[in-house]
Protein backbone atom coordinates (compact mmCIF):
# COMPACT_ATOMS: atom_id res chain seq x y z
CA MET A 1 -81.75 -28.22 11.69
CA LYS A 2 -80.44 -26.39 8.59
CA GLY A 3 -78.31 -24.68 10.28
CA LEU A 4 -76.72 -27.73 12.09
CA PHE A 5 -75.70 -29.16 8.61
CA LYS A 6 -73.49 -26.32 7.40
CA SER A 7 -70.34 -27.43 5.61
CA LYS A 8 -67.63 -26.04 7.89
CA PRO A 9 -65.06 -23.21 6.04
CA ARG A 10 -62.44 -24.62 4.40
CA THR A 11 -58.77 -23.39 5.68
CA PRO A 12 -55.89 -22.12 4.03
CA VAL A 13 -54.13 -25.71 4.06
CA ASP A 14 -56.79 -27.69 2.84
CA ILE A 15 -57.20 -25.16 -0.13
CA VAL A 16 -54.00 -25.92 -0.97
CA LYS A 17 -54.29 -29.32 -0.59
CA ILE A 18 -57.04 -29.40 -2.91
CA THR A 19 -55.67 -27.21 -5.62
CA ARG A 20 -52.40 -29.59 -5.73
CA GLU A 21 -54.61 -32.63 -5.91
CA LEU A 22 -56.71 -30.95 -8.63
CA LEU A 23 -52.93 -30.32 -10.56
CA VAL A 24 -52.03 -33.74 -10.25
CA TYR A 25 -55.13 -34.90 -12.23
CA LEU A 26 -54.77 -31.85 -14.65
CA ASP A 27 -51.21 -33.11 -14.81
CA SER A 28 -52.33 -36.44 -15.84
CA PRO A 29 -53.31 -37.76 -19.13
CA VAL A 30 -56.61 -38.92 -17.96
CA ARG A 31 -59.46 -37.96 -20.07
CA ASP A 32 -62.97 -38.58 -18.20
CA ALA A 33 -66.05 -36.85 -18.88
CA LYS A 34 -65.20 -34.64 -15.26
CA ARG A 35 -62.30 -32.74 -16.62
CA GLU A 36 -64.19 -30.16 -17.19
CA GLU A 37 -65.82 -29.74 -14.00
CA LYS A 38 -62.49 -30.21 -12.22
CA MET A 39 -60.88 -27.57 -14.47
CA ALA A 40 -63.64 -25.06 -13.26
CA GLU A 41 -63.06 -26.38 -9.37
CA LEU A 42 -59.16 -25.95 -10.16
CA ALA A 43 -59.82 -22.20 -10.94
CA LYS A 44 -62.53 -21.69 -7.85
CA ASN A 45 -59.69 -23.13 -5.58
CA ILE A 46 -56.81 -20.66 -6.94
CA ARG A 47 -58.87 -17.76 -7.10
CA GLU A 48 -59.77 -18.33 -3.15
CA MET A 49 -55.57 -19.12 -2.50
CA LYS A 50 -55.31 -15.63 -4.43
CA SER A 51 -58.01 -14.06 -2.15
CA VAL A 52 -56.47 -15.09 1.48
CA LEU A 53 -53.22 -13.66 0.12
CA TYR A 54 -54.16 -10.53 -1.18
CA GLY A 55 -57.52 -10.15 0.49
CA ASN A 56 -61.46 -8.74 -1.22
CA GLY A 57 -62.98 -5.94 -1.48
CA ASP A 58 -64.43 -6.53 2.26
CA ALA A 59 -61.03 -7.69 4.14
CA GLU A 60 -57.60 -7.20 4.38
CA PRO A 61 -55.32 -10.48 4.18
CA VAL A 62 -55.12 -12.40 7.55
CA PRO A 63 -51.55 -12.92 8.50
CA GLU A 64 -52.03 -16.35 10.12
CA ALA A 65 -53.90 -17.53 6.96
CA CYS A 66 -51.38 -16.09 4.62
CA ALA A 67 -48.50 -18.30 6.58
CA GLN A 68 -50.75 -21.16 6.98
CA LEU A 69 -51.57 -21.28 2.99
CA THR A 70 -47.65 -20.66 2.07
CA GLN A 71 -46.06 -23.24 4.30
CA GLU A 72 -48.82 -26.16 2.86
CA PHE A 73 -47.54 -24.39 -0.61
CA PHE A 74 -43.72 -25.24 -0.12
CA LYS A 75 -44.28 -28.29 1.55
CA ASP A 76 -44.93 -30.49 -1.47
CA ASN A 77 -44.50 -29.55 -5.30
CA THR A 78 -47.22 -27.56 -5.54
CA LEU A 79 -44.99 -24.65 -7.27
CA ARG A 80 -43.39 -26.99 -9.49
CA LEU A 81 -47.71 -28.22 -10.62
CA PHE A 82 -48.54 -24.48 -11.21
CA ILE A 83 -45.70 -23.96 -13.30
CA VAL A 84 -45.96 -27.22 -15.58
CA CYS A 85 -49.64 -27.15 -15.65
CA LEU A 86 -50.15 -23.23 -16.25
CA PRO A 87 -50.58 -23.23 -20.09
CA LYS A 88 -53.70 -26.14 -20.07
CA LEU A 89 -55.34 -23.41 -17.24
CA ASN A 90 -57.92 -20.47 -18.70
CA LEU A 91 -56.45 -16.65 -18.76
CA GLU A 92 -58.06 -16.02 -16.12
CA ALA A 93 -57.01 -18.89 -13.95
CA ARG A 94 -53.26 -18.21 -15.69
CA LYS A 95 -53.60 -14.19 -14.06
CA ASP A 96 -54.72 -15.70 -10.57
CA ALA A 97 -51.93 -18.44 -10.69
CA THR A 98 -49.34 -15.64 -11.59
CA GLN A 99 -50.66 -13.32 -9.19
CA VAL A 100 -50.40 -16.02 -6.50
CA VAL A 101 -46.82 -17.25 -7.33
CA ALA A 102 -45.86 -13.47 -6.86
CA ASN A 103 -47.06 -13.17 -3.31
CA LEU A 104 -45.81 -15.98 -2.45
CA GLN A 105 -42.58 -15.18 -3.03
CA ARG A 106 -42.93 -12.62 -0.56
CA GLN A 107 -44.33 -14.36 1.92
CA GLN A 108 -42.76 -15.12 5.71
CA VAL A 109 -43.12 -18.32 8.01
CA GLN A 110 -41.42 -17.60 10.74
CA SER A 111 -39.22 -14.90 9.33
CA ARG A 112 -37.92 -16.67 6.17
CA LEU A 113 -38.91 -16.69 3.35
CA ILE A 114 -39.40 -20.53 2.20
CA ALA A 115 -40.03 -19.77 -1.17
CA CYS A 116 -36.48 -19.30 -1.37
CA ASP A 117 -35.27 -22.22 0.24
CA TYR A 118 -37.91 -24.33 -1.89
CA LEU A 119 -36.26 -22.70 -5.27
CA GLU A 120 -32.96 -23.39 -4.11
CA SER A 121 -33.77 -26.82 -4.41
CA ASN A 122 -35.52 -26.86 -7.68
CA LYS A 123 -33.80 -24.29 -9.42
CA ASP A 124 -35.04 -25.92 -13.01
CA LEU A 125 -37.50 -24.26 -12.66
CA MET A 126 -36.18 -20.95 -13.48
CA ASP A 127 -34.92 -23.09 -16.88
CA ILE A 128 -38.74 -23.44 -17.62
CA LEU A 129 -39.60 -19.66 -17.19
CA VAL A 130 -36.85 -18.07 -19.17
CA LEU A 131 -37.91 -20.98 -22.08
CA GLY A 132 -41.33 -19.86 -21.25
CA TYR A 133 -40.57 -16.58 -23.56
CA GLU A 134 -40.92 -18.91 -26.68
CA ASN A 135 -44.33 -20.06 -26.23
CA THR A 136 -46.28 -16.46 -27.13
CA ASP A 137 -49.76 -17.88 -24.63
CA ILE A 138 -47.58 -18.28 -21.78
CA ALA A 139 -44.61 -16.10 -22.26
CA LEU A 140 -45.63 -12.47 -20.18
CA HIS A 141 -47.49 -14.85 -17.35
CA TYR A 142 -43.49 -16.74 -17.09
CA GLY A 143 -41.69 -13.76 -17.37
CA SER A 144 -43.60 -12.26 -14.52
CA MET A 145 -43.05 -15.10 -12.03
CA LEU A 146 -39.58 -15.50 -12.92
CA ARG A 147 -39.00 -11.75 -12.11
CA GLU A 148 -40.86 -12.43 -8.63
CA CYS A 149 -38.47 -15.28 -8.39
CA ILE A 150 -35.47 -13.71 -9.12
CA ARG A 151 -36.07 -11.19 -6.35
CA HIS A 152 -34.30 -13.76 -4.35
CA GLN A 153 -30.37 -13.46 -4.70
CA ILE A 154 -29.55 -17.17 -5.10
CA ILE A 155 -32.02 -17.62 -7.44
CA ALA A 156 -31.05 -14.36 -9.83
CA ARG A 157 -27.33 -15.84 -9.38
CA TYR A 158 -28.68 -18.98 -10.91
CA VAL A 159 -30.19 -17.65 -13.92
CA LEU A 160 -27.48 -15.44 -14.46
CA GLU A 161 -25.13 -17.82 -14.57
CA SER A 162 -26.47 -20.45 -16.66
CA GLU A 163 -26.54 -21.04 -20.16
CA ASN A 164 -30.10 -19.52 -20.80
CA MET A 165 -29.04 -16.12 -19.71
CA LYS A 166 -27.64 -15.72 -23.49
CA ARG A 167 -31.17 -16.16 -25.20
CA PHE A 168 -32.31 -13.01 -23.82
CA PHE A 169 -30.21 -11.28 -26.47
CA THR A 170 -32.89 -13.47 -28.94
CA TYR A 171 -36.13 -12.51 -26.46
CA ILE A 172 -35.69 -8.89 -26.48
CA GLN A 173 -35.53 -8.83 -30.36
CA LEU A 174 -38.74 -11.25 -31.08
CA PRO A 175 -41.26 -9.85 -33.32
CA ASN A 176 -43.95 -9.91 -30.72
CA PHE A 177 -43.47 -6.24 -29.02
CA ASP A 178 -45.16 -7.23 -25.69
CA ILE A 179 -42.99 -9.80 -25.11
CA ALA A 180 -39.91 -8.41 -26.45
CA SER A 181 -40.87 -5.76 -23.48
CA ASP A 182 -40.94 -8.08 -20.78
CA ALA A 183 -37.92 -9.70 -21.47
CA ALA A 184 -36.06 -6.96 -21.65
CA ALA A 185 -37.84 -5.90 -17.99
CA THR A 186 -36.25 -9.44 -16.91
CA PHE A 187 -32.95 -8.55 -18.39
CA LYS A 188 -32.93 -5.24 -16.62
CA GLU A 189 -33.91 -6.84 -13.42
CA LEU A 190 -31.50 -9.70 -13.49
CA LEU A 191 -28.69 -6.87 -14.48
CA THR A 192 -29.47 -4.30 -11.50
CA ARG A 193 -31.07 -5.75 -8.80
CA HIS A 194 -28.89 -7.59 -7.05
CA LYS A 195 -25.68 -5.01 -7.20
CA ALA A 196 -22.71 -7.74 -5.87
CA THR A 197 -23.60 -10.71 -7.92
CA VAL A 198 -24.11 -8.15 -10.72
CA ALA A 199 -21.01 -7.10 -10.37
CA ASP A 200 -19.34 -10.70 -10.20
CA PHE A 201 -21.03 -12.08 -13.17
CA LEU A 202 -19.80 -9.54 -15.27
CA ASN A 203 -16.61 -10.11 -14.17
CA LYS A 204 -16.83 -13.06 -14.91
CA ASN A 205 -18.30 -12.76 -18.38
CA TYR A 206 -17.37 -9.31 -19.74
CA ASP A 207 -15.55 -11.00 -22.33
CA TRP A 208 -18.56 -12.39 -24.34
CA LEU A 209 -21.23 -9.90 -22.39
CA LEU A 210 -19.82 -6.44 -23.13
CA GLY A 211 -17.55 -7.44 -26.34
CA ASP A 212 -18.96 -10.07 -27.92
CA VAL A 213 -22.68 -10.01 -27.84
CA LEU A 214 -23.43 -5.81 -26.78
CA LEU A 215 -21.36 -4.71 -29.21
CA ASP A 216 -21.94 -6.69 -32.17
CA ARG A 217 -23.74 -5.08 -35.12
CA SER A 218 -26.20 -7.35 -34.90
CA ASN A 219 -27.33 -6.28 -31.71
CA VAL A 220 -27.63 -2.67 -31.90
CA SER A 221 -31.42 -2.78 -30.73
CA VAL A 222 -30.46 -4.42 -27.80
CA MET A 223 -27.65 -2.36 -27.27
CA MET A 224 -29.90 0.78 -27.51
CA ARG A 225 -32.02 -0.41 -25.12
CA TYR A 226 -29.20 -1.01 -22.56
CA VAL A 227 -27.57 2.11 -22.56
CA SER A 228 -30.58 4.27 -22.12
CA SER A 229 -30.89 2.71 -18.71
CA LYS A 230 -29.52 5.13 -15.71
CA ASP A 231 -28.50 1.44 -13.68
CA ASN A 232 -27.01 -0.21 -16.58
CA LEU A 233 -24.72 3.21 -16.78
CA ARG A 234 -24.18 3.13 -12.92
CA ILE A 235 -22.65 -0.67 -13.49
CA MET A 236 -20.54 0.54 -15.93
CA MET A 237 -19.17 3.38 -14.40
CA ASN A 238 -18.56 1.08 -11.27
CA LEU A 239 -16.98 -1.02 -13.75
CA LEU A 240 -14.30 1.32 -14.69
CA ARG A 241 -13.02 1.22 -11.09
CA GLU A 242 -12.53 -2.28 -11.28
CA SER A 243 -8.58 -2.76 -10.17
CA SER A 244 -8.55 -5.47 -13.56
CA LYS A 245 -7.47 -3.24 -16.63
CA ASN A 246 -9.12 -6.05 -18.88
CA ILE A 247 -12.67 -5.58 -17.42
CA GLN A 248 -11.82 -1.40 -17.07
CA ILE A 249 -11.28 -1.85 -20.77
CA GLU A 250 -14.50 -3.58 -22.30
CA ALA A 251 -16.62 -1.74 -19.64
CA PHE A 252 -15.01 1.92 -21.47
CA HIS A 253 -15.95 0.04 -24.76
CA VAL A 254 -20.01 -0.27 -23.67
CA PHE A 255 -19.60 3.19 -21.48
CA LYS A 256 -18.39 5.53 -24.54
CA VAL A 257 -21.68 4.06 -26.09
CA PHE A 258 -23.84 5.61 -23.36
CA VAL A 259 -22.05 8.75 -23.82
CA ALA A 260 -22.04 8.68 -27.91
CA ASN A 261 -26.06 7.99 -27.98
CA GLN A 262 -27.49 11.13 -30.01
CA ASN A 263 -30.73 10.36 -27.98
CA LYS A 264 -29.75 10.08 -24.45
CA PRO A 265 -32.49 9.77 -22.03
CA PRO A 266 -32.60 13.07 -19.72
CA GLU A 267 -31.79 11.10 -16.52
CA ILE A 268 -28.49 9.02 -18.44
CA VAL A 269 -27.74 13.10 -19.50
CA SER A 270 -28.25 13.81 -15.81
CA ILE A 271 -26.14 11.02 -14.27
CA LEU A 272 -23.01 12.02 -16.23
CA ILE A 273 -23.56 15.64 -15.61
CA ALA A 274 -23.64 15.10 -11.80
CA ASN A 275 -20.06 12.79 -12.38
CA ARG A 276 -18.75 14.95 -15.19
CA SER A 277 -15.63 16.31 -13.07
CA LYS A 278 -15.21 12.74 -11.35
CA LEU A 279 -15.11 11.42 -15.18
CA LEU A 280 -12.84 13.82 -16.51
CA ARG A 281 -10.34 13.37 -14.10
CA PHE A 282 -10.64 9.47 -14.13
CA PHE A 283 -9.68 10.06 -17.83
CA SER A 284 -6.97 12.12 -17.80
CA ASP A 285 -5.07 9.71 -16.23
CA PHE A 286 -6.77 6.66 -17.91
CA LYS A 287 -4.33 4.52 -20.56
CA THR A 288 -3.81 1.07 -21.93
CA ASP A 289 -1.35 -1.06 -21.44
CA LYS A 290 0.20 -0.64 -25.21
CA GLU A 291 -0.15 2.45 -27.84
CA ASP A 292 -3.64 1.98 -29.66
CA ALA A 293 -4.43 4.53 -31.45
CA GLN A 294 -7.81 4.13 -31.66
CA PHE A 295 -8.32 3.56 -27.98
CA ASP A 296 -7.14 7.19 -27.46
CA GLN A 297 -9.53 8.28 -30.03
CA ASP A 298 -12.39 6.87 -28.87
CA LYS A 299 -11.49 8.34 -25.05
CA ALA A 300 -11.08 11.68 -26.71
CA GLN A 301 -14.23 12.12 -28.18
CA VAL A 302 -15.50 10.41 -24.79
CA VAL A 303 -13.91 13.48 -22.95
CA LYS A 304 -15.59 16.18 -25.38
CA GLU A 305 -18.76 14.64 -25.36
CA ILE A 306 -18.83 15.32 -21.61
CA ALA A 307 -17.56 18.03 -21.30
CA ALA A 308 -20.12 19.67 -23.67
CA LEU A 309 -23.24 18.15 -22.03
CA GLU A 310 -25.90 20.17 -21.53
CA PRO A 311 -28.95 19.66 -18.85
CA LYS A 312 -31.87 17.65 -21.21
CA GLU A 313 -35.55 18.84 -19.46
CA GLN A 314 -37.67 15.77 -18.38
CA PRO A 315 -40.57 14.63 -20.86
């Protein structure tokens, strides 16, 4: 007779609904005797969601189950609750929640990334994630979520154009190495993933980004990280070809730091050598609108450095 009364397996939709209810409870000021029990149940549910999305040791994820979970997850404010309640979860539950949010950014329902649709209507969540770098307990979890969310071009554009973008220059220099490195990874992702959006952003913001911020002496550590990236070098080389003379000049002032860096990574050297003839040809005709002795001196040094470059062995 026991078999007749077995509980029905929970569907992905059931798991999300129960998780949402528990998150609402966790977000409320209620403090009752069942709180610890419900916290444990919430952690178990989040772990189950992760198993549906990633599979487990015995089985691969089932596409239909993933689609059902994704659709239910973004039907209501479950993502907002995940983000807001993350600081209240224990470490393991935070890790699971971070992996769930990351996976959901890539799940398609009827050929649509519905996570992007949700985030487009809830862009303020990106502000919460960016500011998370100021909380050592959740910084790495929020940073991981943020990098997954900016896979969507429209969300990356929002972060690039927000006032919070300037905070990354502070976060990259935080004394906590792990958080500073994570912030640097996010900053790099923002400036390299969506080429057209990044080019537009740099065109609009070259004055403060390239001139006022990156070249400021107090931000030398940020600049050295920036000029060690081959993706950033490619962006600067593309900006040198812009039709706007002002953008070309500002790009040159950053490009010359790539060249002047005495500790250039091998991949930077390789790119400069591969493009040596084009760069030297470009600089032979590259001039400012007015006479500028300092510019001419800098350009001559850049040409000299590029001409003398020798390949570096990869470490």
